[in-house]
């Protein structure tokens, strides 16, 4: 068969232009400096367009780095300045970046059905930055949170895609001492995908750290300090065509409130606040952990809900003058110790509910854990402590745990065998009846609560009559 003739025209254009004419006050100054890179405000808008049958496409990626005023790096060494209005006189190892905007945009038409996607990202500051006369600093602008651009479809309805990625940061870095202090650092995605009335997917939330009362690491080397960490993404999916939906959320955190201190230390990592590791070597401290995920799902054959909370109790930690210490939670003290691991009280309390299924309903609740608060291992070597109320001062090779509590419960109902409830560790189900797992004197047992009255009861072994 004679092949069908097609006409295809493809045109590509790339344009680079400065944001405006350089004025005399936008000059760069690097007098008496060594290893300096300075870039004035600049903008670029690369564009690619393809026109043909049956596909038309256009992609634009405008990028702009702005700034006001000139850059000064006189008497400095190892300096990078992009944009304008930066001061780094007399500094060593500095990087400074002005506000930056990027707005990738794409539009595709296939056989009359159009799809448009846009993901704007904008980095803004309140003005110029200064690093004089700091040694080894990195200064980045904070990132604004622009609203995602909604997708616009023309012609026949097609998929709708929109999204954005918001960043926020307040960082202090000392490259000479290999020190990073994150007062705030996070990412907030925003994404939407919709296909007419078939399905819709949304992604959001935030993952990052929040400010604490301050971080101090004077005289330290290889140090990382951050405020409380939060992991709270959100996901929602809905399909009217399938009659199903799922939503995931909740919040998970690590760290507590207060100030982190790692004076004159080597190799320290601290998350949250209230952690002290003065004159220590190789220390990891996290001021508490909480896990509280949440999920709801609905389908034609039933629904499920996940919730509850688990975690490690927060508080203050001390590992001054110690070597090789790991502390999670709060109330841990390991001053002058070597090789110590301490974990505060632990709680495990997830909840789960399943309803409306063909085989019945199920609910899981209650909580278990290791209780207590406050662990001491001052002047010790090789110590592991979990829970609280443990003391191993001036000891070697010690393992301690607080009271262990088990309190999970399970409830079931609307099943072919009936329903019931009780502690998970106390009963087990078999053929619709319940047996106790603890030994007892043989006797007739009563049926579980909720079982039909006609259900047979289990019998213990019969005693043989004496001959």
Protein backbone atom coordinates (compact mmCIF):
# COMPACT_ATOMS: atom_id res chain seq x y z
CA UNK A 1 0.00 0.00 0.00
CA UNK A 2 1.28 3.35 -0.94
CA UNK A 3 2.51 5.01 2.26
CA UNK A 4 0.64 8.11 3.32
CA UNK A 5 2.59 11.30 2.87
CA UNK A 6 3.04 13.43 5.95
CA UNK A 7 4.42 16.94 6.37
CA UNK A 8 6.49 17.76 9.45
CA UNK A 9 7.89 21.19 10.34
CA UNK A 10 10.11 21.52 13.41
CA UNK A 11 11.34 24.93 14.60
CA UNK A 12 13.62 25.45 17.61
CA UNK A 13 14.57 28.84 19.02
CA UNK A 14 16.81 29.57 22.02
CA UNK A 15 17.06 33.13 23.37
CA UNK A 16 19.47 34.34 26.02
CA UNK A 17 19.25 37.94 27.19
CA UNK A 18 20.46 39.91 30.14
CA UNK A 19 17.85 41.18 32.59
CA UNK A 20 18.82 44.75 31.70
CA UNK A 21 21.77 46.91 30.79
CA UNK A 22 24.57 46.85 33.32
CA UNK A 23 24.82 50.08 35.23
CA UNK A 24 27.89 51.53 36.84
CA UNK A 25 26.73 50.56 40.36
CA UNK A 26 26.30 46.87 39.34
CA UNK A 27 30.04 46.30 38.98
CA UNK A 28 31.96 43.45 40.63
CA UNK A 29 34.94 44.12 42.90
CA UNK A 30 37.56 41.45 43.68
CA UNK A 31 40.58 43.59 44.63
CA UNK A 32 43.41 41.67 46.35
CA UNK A 33 41.41 38.42 46.21
CA UNK A 34 42.29 34.84 45.21
CA UNK A 35 40.02 32.32 43.44
CA UNK A 36 36.93 34.51 42.94
CA UNK A 37 33.93 33.98 40.65
CA UNK A 38 31.41 36.83 40.25
CA UNK A 39 28.32 36.83 37.99
CA UNK A 40 25.96 39.78 37.64
CA UNK A 41 22.18 39.37 37.28
CA UNK A 42 21.28 37.26 34.26
CA UNK A 43 18.16 35.79 32.63
CA UNK A 44 17.60 33.10 30.02
CA UNK A 45 14.51 31.72 28.28
CA UNK A 46 15.30 28.62 26.18
CA UNK A 47 12.35 27.61 24.01
CA UNK A 48 11.77 24.56 21.83
CA UNK A 49 8.77 24.14 19.52
CA UNK A 50 7.73 21.18 17.35
CA UNK A 51 4.81 21.43 14.90
CA UNK A 52 3.56 18.46 12.91
CA UNK A 53 0.95 15.75 12.54
CA UNK A 54 -0.32 14.32 14.77
CA UNK A 55 1.83 15.84 17.54
CA UNK A 56 2.49 19.48 18.43
CA UNK A 57 4.77 20.38 21.34
CA UNK A 58 6.21 23.52 22.94
CA UNK A 59 8.65 23.63 25.86
CA UNK A 60 9.88 26.80 27.58
CA UNK A 61 12.32 26.98 30.51
CA UNK A 62 12.77 30.62 31.57
CA UNK A 63 15.42 31.10 34.26
CA UNK A 64 16.31 34.40 35.89
CA UNK A 65 18.93 35.30 38.52
CA UNK A 66 18.31 38.82 39.81
CA UNK A 67 20.00 41.14 42.25
CA UNK A 68 20.47 44.78 43.19
CA UNK A 69 23.86 46.44 43.46
CA UNK A 70 27.35 45.17 42.83
CA UNK A 71 29.34 42.28 44.31
CA UNK A 72 32.33 42.88 46.58
CA UNK A 73 34.91 40.18 47.40
CA UNK A 74 37.97 42.35 48.05
CA UNK A 75 40.71 40.75 50.13
CA UNK A 76 38.99 37.34 50.04
CA UNK A 77 39.91 33.80 48.96
CA UNK A 78 37.72 31.16 47.32
CA UNK A 79 34.53 33.20 46.74
CA UNK A 80 31.54 32.59 44.44
CA UNK A 81 28.93 35.34 43.97
CA UNK A 82 25.95 35.07 41.61
CA UNK A 83 23.51 37.96 41.14
CA UNK A 84 24.11 41.26 42.91
CA UNK A 85 24.33 43.00 46.26
CA UNK A 86 26.73 40.54 47.92
CA UNK A 87 29.48 41.42 50.42
CA UNK A 88 32.30 38.97 51.21
CA UNK A 89 35.26 41.26 51.92
CA UNK A 90 38.03 39.59 53.89
CA UNK A 91 36.35 36.18 53.85
CA UNK A 92 37.54 32.67 52.96
CA UNK A 93 35.49 30.01 51.16
CA UNK A 94 32.17 31.84 50.58
CA UNK A 95 29.28 31.15 48.20
CA UNK A 96 26.45 33.66 47.73
CA UNK A 97 23.43 33.36 45.40
CA UNK A 98 20.79 36.01 44.60
CA UNK A 99 17.06 35.41 44.03
CA UNK A 100 16.41 32.87 41.29
CA UNK A 101 13.24 32.07 39.38
CA UNK A 102 12.57 29.12 37.06
CA UNK A 103 9.24 28.34 35.38
CA UNK A 104 9.42 25.22 33.21
CA UNK A 105 6.35 25.02 31.00
CA UNK A 106 5.31 22.33 28.50
CA UNK A 107 2.28 21.94 26.24
CA UNK A 108 1.65 18.85 24.11
CA UNK A 109 -1.23 18.23 21.69
CA UNK A 110 -1.84 14.71 20.37
CA UNK A 111 -4.63 14.17 17.87
CA UNK A 112 -6.52 17.21 19.16
CA UNK A 113 -6.11 16.33 22.86
CA UNK A 114 -3.97 18.85 24.77
CA UNK A 115 -1.96 18.56 27.97
CA UNK A 116 -0.29 21.46 29.74
CA UNK A 117 2.20 21.17 32.63
CA UNK A 118 3.93 23.93 34.58
CA UNK A 119 6.25 23.65 37.61
CA UNK A 120 7.34 27.10 38.85
CA UNK A 121 10.17 27.40 41.38
CA UNK A 122 11.16 30.71 42.91
CA UNK A 123 14.07 31.44 45.25
CA UNK A 124 13.85 34.86 46.91
CA UNK A 125 15.74 36.85 49.53
CA UNK A 126 15.10 40.03 51.45
CA UNK A 127 18.18 41.64 49.93
CA UNK A 128 21.90 41.17 49.56
CA UNK A 129 23.98 38.91 51.76
CA UNK A 130 27.16 39.50 53.71
CA UNK A 131 29.93 37.09 54.70
CA UNK A 132 32.62 39.45 55.97
CA UNK A 133 34.86 38.41 57.61
CA UNK A 134 33.54 34.85 58.11
CA UNK A 135 35.75 31.87 57.29
CA UNK A 136 34.17 29.23 55.08
CA UNK A 137 30.54 30.20 54.76
CA UNK A 138 27.72 29.22 52.43
CA UNK A 139 24.77 31.58 52.11
CA UNK A 140 21.71 30.55 50.11
CA UNK A 141 18.49 32.51 49.73
CA UNK A 142 15.32 31.22 51.27
CA UNK A 143 12.77 29.85 48.87
CA UNK A 144 9.33 31.34 48.58
CA UNK A 145 6.29 29.15 48.16
CA UNK A 146 4.57 30.13 44.91
CA UNK A 147 1.18 28.68 44.17
CA UNK A 148 1.36 25.95 41.53
CA UNK A 149 0.12 27.02 38.10
CA UNK A 150 -3.07 25.17 37.17
CA UNK A 151 -2.95 23.27 33.93
CA UNK A 152 -5.14 24.46 31.08
CA UNK A 153 -6.34 22.02 28.47
CA UNK A 154 -7.79 23.19 25.18
CA UNK A 155 -9.72 21.20 22.68
CA UNK A 156 -10.66 17.70 23.69
CA UNK A 157 -10.28 17.05 27.42
CA UNK A 158 -7.03 15.28 28.22
CA UNK A 159 -4.83 14.71 31.29
CA UNK A 160 -4.26 17.74 33.53
CA UNK A 161 -0.86 18.05 35.17
CA UNK A 162 0.41 20.80 37.43
CA UNK A 163 3.03 21.01 40.11
CA UNK A 164 5.67 22.92 41.94
CA UNK A 165 8.51 22.37 44.40
CA UNK A 166 8.98 24.82 47.25
CA UNK A 167 12.24 24.96 49.18
CA UNK A 168 12.97 26.83 52.40
CA UNK A 169 16.32 27.03 54.12
CA UNK A 170 18.29 28.89 56.75
CA UNK A 171 21.76 27.40 56.71
CA UNK A 172 25.10 28.27 58.22
CA UNK A 173 28.14 26.37 56.98
CA UNK A 174 31.78 26.61 57.98
CA UNK A 175 33.79 24.85 55.29
CA UNK A 176 37.03 25.22 57.20
CA UNK A 177 35.68 23.40 60.28
CA UNK A 178 33.39 21.10 58.22
CA UNK A 179 30.41 22.36 60.16
CA UNK A 180 26.76 22.57 58.99
CA UNK A 181 23.99 24.12 61.07
CA UNK A 182 20.47 23.94 59.60
CA UNK A 183 18.13 26.27 61.43
CA UNK A 184 15.51 25.51 58.78
CA UNK A 185 15.70 23.24 55.73
CA UNK A 186 12.74 21.68 53.98
CA UNK A 187 10.95 20.81 50.78
CA UNK A 188 7.21 21.09 50.04
CA UNK A 189 6.10 19.37 46.84
CA UNK A 190 2.83 20.23 45.13
CA UNK A 191 1.63 17.96 42.34
CA UNK A 192 -1.71 17.31 40.64
CA UNK A 193 -2.58 14.73 37.98
CA UNK A 194 -6.18 14.46 36.81
CA UNK A 195 -7.63 12.38 33.98
CA UNK A 196 -11.14 13.70 33.35
CA UNK A 197 -13.53 11.76 35.64
CA UNK A 198 -11.41 8.61 35.67
CA UNK A 199 -8.87 9.36 38.43
CA UNK A 200 -7.09 12.14 40.28
CA UNK A 201 -3.79 12.13 42.19
CA UNK A 202 -2.53 14.88 44.50
CA UNK A 203 0.81 15.08 46.34
CA UNK A 204 1.68 17.65 49.00
CA UNK A 205 2.90 18.11 52.56
CA UNK A 206 6.36 19.01 53.81
CA UNK A 207 9.58 17.25 54.73
CA UNK A 208 12.22 19.21 56.60
CA UNK A 209 13.46 20.77 59.82
CA UNK A 210 11.98 23.55 61.93
CA UNK A 211 13.81 26.23 63.94
CA UNK A 212 14.98 25.44 67.47
CA UNK A 213 16.42 27.68 70.20
CA UNK A 214 19.87 27.71 68.61
CA UNK A 215 22.92 25.62 67.72
CA UNK A 216 26.38 26.13 69.23
CA UNK A 217 29.48 24.29 68.01
CA UNK A 218 32.42 26.63 68.68
CA UNK A 219 35.78 24.91 68.51
CA UNK A 220 34.28 21.75 66.99
CA UNK A 221 35.11 19.79 63.82
CA UNK A 222 32.83 17.60 61.68
CA UNK A 223 29.58 18.82 63.24
CA UNK A 224 26.00 18.66 61.97
CA UNK A 225 23.17 20.33 63.89
CA UNK A 226 19.49 20.76 63.00
CA UNK A 227 16.21 21.64 64.61
CA UNK A 228 13.31 19.19 64.96
CA UNK A 229 12.76 17.11 61.83
CA UNK A 230 9.24 16.61 60.47
CA UNK A 231 8.21 14.14 57.77
CA UNK A 232 4.60 14.88 56.85
CA UNK A 233 3.87 14.13 53.19
CA UNK A 234 0.29 13.94 51.96
CA UNK A 235 -1.06 11.79 49.16
CA UNK A 236 -4.65 11.58 47.91
CA UNK A 237 -5.87 9.35 45.10
CA UNK A 238 -9.47 9.14 43.98
CA UNK A 239 -11.03 7.09 41.19
CA UNK A 240 -14.77 7.62 40.70
CA UNK A 241 -14.68 5.05 37.92
CA UNK A 242 -13.51 2.37 40.38
CA UNK A 243 -15.43 3.72 43.36
CA UNK A 244 -12.20 3.77 45.37
CA UNK A 245 -10.07 6.35 47.15
CA UNK A 246 -7.04 6.48 49.43
CA UNK A 247 -5.61 9.33 51.53
CA UNK A 248 -2.26 9.22 53.31
CA UNK A 249 -1.18 11.84 55.82
CA UNK A 250 -0.13 12.17 59.44
CA UNK A 251 3.06 13.58 60.85
CA UNK A 252 6.34 11.97 61.94
CA UNK A 253 8.85 13.97 63.95
CA UNK A 254 12.32 13.61 65.43
CA UNK A 255 13.92 15.93 67.94
CA UNK A 256 12.73 18.18 70.75
CA UNK A 257 12.96 21.80 71.86
CA UNK A 258 15.97 23.64 73.23
CA UNK A 259 19.52 24.42 72.19
CA UNK A 260 22.12 22.03 70.76
CA UNK A 261 25.65 22.39 72.12
CA UNK A 262 28.75 20.63 70.81
CA UNK A 263 31.60 22.83 72.08
CA UNK A 264 35.16 21.60 71.38
CA UNK A 265 33.88 18.28 70.01
CA UNK A 266 34.77 16.02 67.08
CA UNK A 267 32.25 14.19 64.88
CA UNK A 268 28.90 15.25 66.35
CA UNK A 269 25.36 14.97 64.97
CA UNK A 270 22.45 16.55 66.85
CA UNK A 271 18.76 16.74 65.85
CA UNK A 272 16.15 18.76 67.71
CA UNK A 273 17.27 20.60 70.82
CA UNK A 274 18.41 20.13 74.38
CA UNK A 275 21.44 18.04 73.37
CA UNK A 276 24.86 18.59 74.94
CA UNK A 277 28.12 16.99 73.78
CA UNK A 278 30.91 19.28 74.99
CA UNK A 279 34.47 17.86 74.69
CA UNK A 280 33.12 14.64 73.13
CA UNK A 281 34.13 12.45 70.18
CA UNK A 282 31.72 10.57 67.90
CA UNK A 283 28.31 11.54 69.30
CA UNK A 284 24.79 11.14 67.86
CA UNK A 285 21.88 12.72 69.75
CA UNK A 286 18.20 12.84 68.74
CA UNK A 287 15.77 14.46 71.15
CA UNK A 288 12.77 12.14 70.82
CA UNK A 289 10.90 10.42 67.99
CA UNK A 290 7.17 10.28 67.24
CA UNK A 291 5.58 8.25 64.45
CA UNK A 292 1.94 9.09 63.74
CA UNK A 293 1.03 8.04 60.20
CA UNK A 294 -2.56 8.22 59.02
CA UNK A 295 -4.32 6.50 56.14
CA UNK A 296 -7.90 6.09 54.98
CA UNK A 297 -8.90 3.78 52.14
CA UNK A 298 -12.35 3.08 50.68
CA UNK A 299 -13.19 0.42 48.12
CA UNK A 300 -16.37 -1.37 46.99
CA UNK A 301 -15.36 -4.35 49.17
CA UNK A 302 -14.64 -2.45 52.39
CA UNK A 303 -12.80 0.38 54.10
CA UNK A 304 -9.65 0.64 56.21
CA UNK A 305 -8.33 3.30 58.57
CA UNK A 306 -4.78 3.43 59.99
CA UNK A 307 -3.84 5.72 62.85
CA UNK A 308 -2.39 5.78 66.34
CA UNK A 309 1.05 6.89 67.46
CA UNK A 310 4.36 5.33 68.43
CA UNK A 311 7.60 6.87 69.53
CA UNK A 312 10.42 7.51 71.95
CA UNK A 313 9.90 10.05 74.73
CA UNK A 314 11.62 13.43 74.14
CA UNK A 315 13.92 15.32 76.49
CA UNK A 316 17.48 16.53 77.03
CA UNK A 317 20.63 14.44 76.48
CA UNK A 318 24.12 14.86 77.88
CA UNK A 319 27.25 13.17 76.54
CA UNK A 320 29.97 15.61 77.63
CA UNK A 321 33.55 14.28 77.67
CA UNK A 322 32.41 10.98 76.16
CA UNK A 323 33.54 8.81 73.23
CA UNK A 324 31.23 6.87 70.91
CA UNK A 325 27.78 7.76 72.29
CA UNK A 326 24.32 7.35 70.75
CA UNK A 327 21.29 8.81 72.55
CA UNK A 328 17.68 8.76 71.28
CA UNK A 329 14.85 10.31 73.22
CA UNK A 330 15.50 12.31 76.35
CA UNK A 331 16.69 12.08 79.92
CA UNK A 332 19.91 10.29 78.97
CA UNK A 333 23.21 11.09 80.70
CA UNK A 334 26.53 9.55 79.62
CA UNK A 335 29.16 12.06 80.76
CA UNK A 336 32.72 10.72 80.66
CA UNK A 337 31.65 7.39 79.15
CA UNK A 338 32.87 5.23 76.26
CA UNK A 339 30.70 3.19 73.90
CA UNK A 340 27.23 4.02 75.23
CA UNK A 341 23.78 3.56 73.66
CA UNK A 342 20.75 5.01 75.46
CA UNK A 343 17.09 5.01 74.37
CA UNK A 344 14.31 6.65 76.39
CA UNK A 345 10.87 5.15 77.01
CA UNK A 346 9.40 3.44 73.92
CA UNK A 347 5.69 3.30 73.02
CA UNK A 348 4.16 1.25 70.19
CA UNK A 349 0.50 2.12 69.69
CA UNK A 350 -0.76 1.83 66.09
CA UNK A 351 -4.48 1.49 65.42
CA UNK A 352 -6.16 -0.25 62.49
CA UNK A 353 -9.83 -0.60 61.63
CA UNK A 354 -11.18 -2.65 58.72
CA UNK A 355 -14.93 -2.45 58.09
CA UNK A 356 -17.51 -3.61 55.61
CA UNK A 357 -15.55 -6.49 54.12
CA UNK A 358 -17.19 -9.74 52.99
CA UNK A 359 -15.46 -11.62 55.83
CA UNK A 360 -16.33 -9.14 58.60
CA UNK A 361 -14.79 -6.30 60.59
CA UNK A 362 -11.47 -6.10 62.46
CA UNK A 363 -10.03 -3.51 64.85
CA UNK A 364 -6.55 -3.35 66.37
CA UNK A 365 -5.84 -1.01 69.28
CA UNK A 366 -4.05 -0.63 72.58
CA UNK A 367 -0.36 0.07 73.08
CA UNK A 368 2.82 -1.65 74.23
CA UNK A 369 6.26 -0.41 75.11
CA UNK A 370 9.15 -0.09 77.49
CA UNK A 371 8.35 2.38 80.27
CA UNK A 372 10.50 4.74 82.28
CA UNK A 373 12.54 7.91 81.87
CA UNK A 374 16.07 8.87 82.75
CA UNK A 375 19.17 6.73 82.05
CA UNK A 376 22.58 7.31 83.68
CA UNK A 377 25.86 5.79 82.52
CA UNK A 378 28.40 8.35 83.72
CA UNK A 379 32.00 7.16 83.68
CA UNK A 380 31.02 3.82 82.13
CA UNK A 381 32.20 1.71 79.18
CA UNK A 382 30.11 -0.51 76.91
CA UNK A 383 26.61 0.32 78.18
CA UNK A 384 23.18 -0.21 76.57
CA UNK A 385 20.04 1.17 78.25
CA UNK A 386 16.42 1.13 76.99
CA UNK A 387 13.45 2.69 78.73
CA UNK A 388 14.15 4.60 81.91
CA UNK A 389 15.14 4.46 85.54
CA UNK A 390 18.43 2.72 84.67
CA UNK A 391 21.70 3.54 86.43
CA UNK A 392 25.08 2.14 85.39
CA UNK A 393 27.54 4.79 86.61
CA UNK A 394 31.20 3.70 86.64
CA UNK A 395 30.38 0.26 85.23
CA UNK A 396 31.64 -1.85 82.31
CA UNK A 397 29.60 -3.99 79.87
CA UNK A 398 26.08 -3.31 81.13
CA UNK A 399 22.65 -3.88 79.53
CA UNK A 400 19.50 -2.50 81.17
CA UNK A 401 15.82 -2.19 80.18
CA UNK A 402 12.83 -0.64 81.91
CA UNK A 403 9.50 -2.38 82.55
CA UNK A 404 7.96 -3.99 79.46
CA UNK A 405 4.23 -3.48 78.96
CA UNK A 406 2.11 -5.35 76.39
CA UNK A 407 -1.39 -4.03 75.85
CA UNK A 408 -2.41 -4.58 72.22
CA UNK A 409 -6.06 -5.53 71.71
CA UNK A 410 -8.01 -7.01 68.83
CA UNK A 411 -11.74 -6.95 68.15
CA UNK A 412 -13.58 -8.75 65.37
CA UNK A 413 -17.22 -8.94 64.39
CA UNK A 414 -19.77 -9.50 61.64
CA UNK A 415 -17.94 -12.69 60.67
CA UNK A 416 -19.54 -16.02 59.79
CA UNK A 417 -18.40 -17.26 63.23
CA UNK A 418 -19.63 -14.22 65.16
CA UNK A 419 -17.47 -11.73 67.00
CA UNK A 420 -15.23 -11.24 70.02
CA UNK A 421 -12.48 -9.18 71.60
CA UNK A 422 -9.53 -9.48 73.94
CA UNK A 423 -5.78 -9.03 74.34
CA UNK A 424 -3.79 -10.25 71.36
CA UNK A 425 -1.50 -12.31 73.57
CA UNK A 426 -4.29 -13.91 75.60
CA UNK A 427 -6.37 -15.65 72.96
CA UNK A 428 -6.08 -17.17 69.57
CA UNK A 429 -8.87 -17.98 67.13
CA UNK A 430 -9.51 -21.38 65.61
CA UNK A 431 -12.63 -22.45 63.70
CA UNK A 432 -14.76 -19.76 65.33
CA UNK A 433 -13.90 -20.85 68.90
CA UNK A 434 -11.50 -19.44 71.44
CA UNK A 435 -8.82 -21.27 73.46
CA UNK A 436 -6.87 -19.70 76.28
CA UNK A 437 -3.14 -19.83 75.74
CA UNK A 438 -2.34 -19.99 79.48
CA UNK A 439 -2.51 -23.41 81.18
CA UNK A 440 -5.38 -24.05 83.56
CA UNK A 441 -7.20 -26.88 85.25
CA UNK A 442 -9.24 -28.82 82.66
CA UNK A 443 -12.87 -27.73 82.74
CA UNK A 444 -15.65 -26.73 80.45
CA UNK A 445 -14.99 -23.30 78.85
CA UNK A 446 -17.60 -20.77 77.93
CA UNK A 447 -17.94 -19.62 74.32
CA UNK A 448 -16.47 -16.19 73.44
CA UNK A 449 -18.70 -13.15 73.81
CA UNK A 450 -20.75 -12.68 70.67
CA UNK A 451 -20.66 -16.32 69.47
CA UNK A 452 -24.02 -17.94 68.68
CA UNK A 453 -25.59 -19.69 71.66
CA UNK A 454 -25.68 -22.98 69.75
CA UNK A 455 -21.91 -22.98 69.19
CA UNK A 456 -20.33 -26.03 70.86
CA UNK A 457 -18.08 -25.50 73.84
CA UNK A 458 -14.62 -27.04 74.11
CA UNK A 459 -14.06 -29.72 76.73
CA UNK A 460 -10.91 -30.58 78.56
CA UNK A 461 -9.59 -34.15 78.80
CA UNK A 462 -11.78 -36.48 80.86
CA UNK A 463 -10.30 -38.19 83.87
CA UNK A 464 -10.32 -41.96 83.80
CA UNK A 465 -12.10 -43.65 86.65
CA UNK A 466 -9.83 -45.50 89.01
CA UNK A 467 -10.04 -49.25 88.71
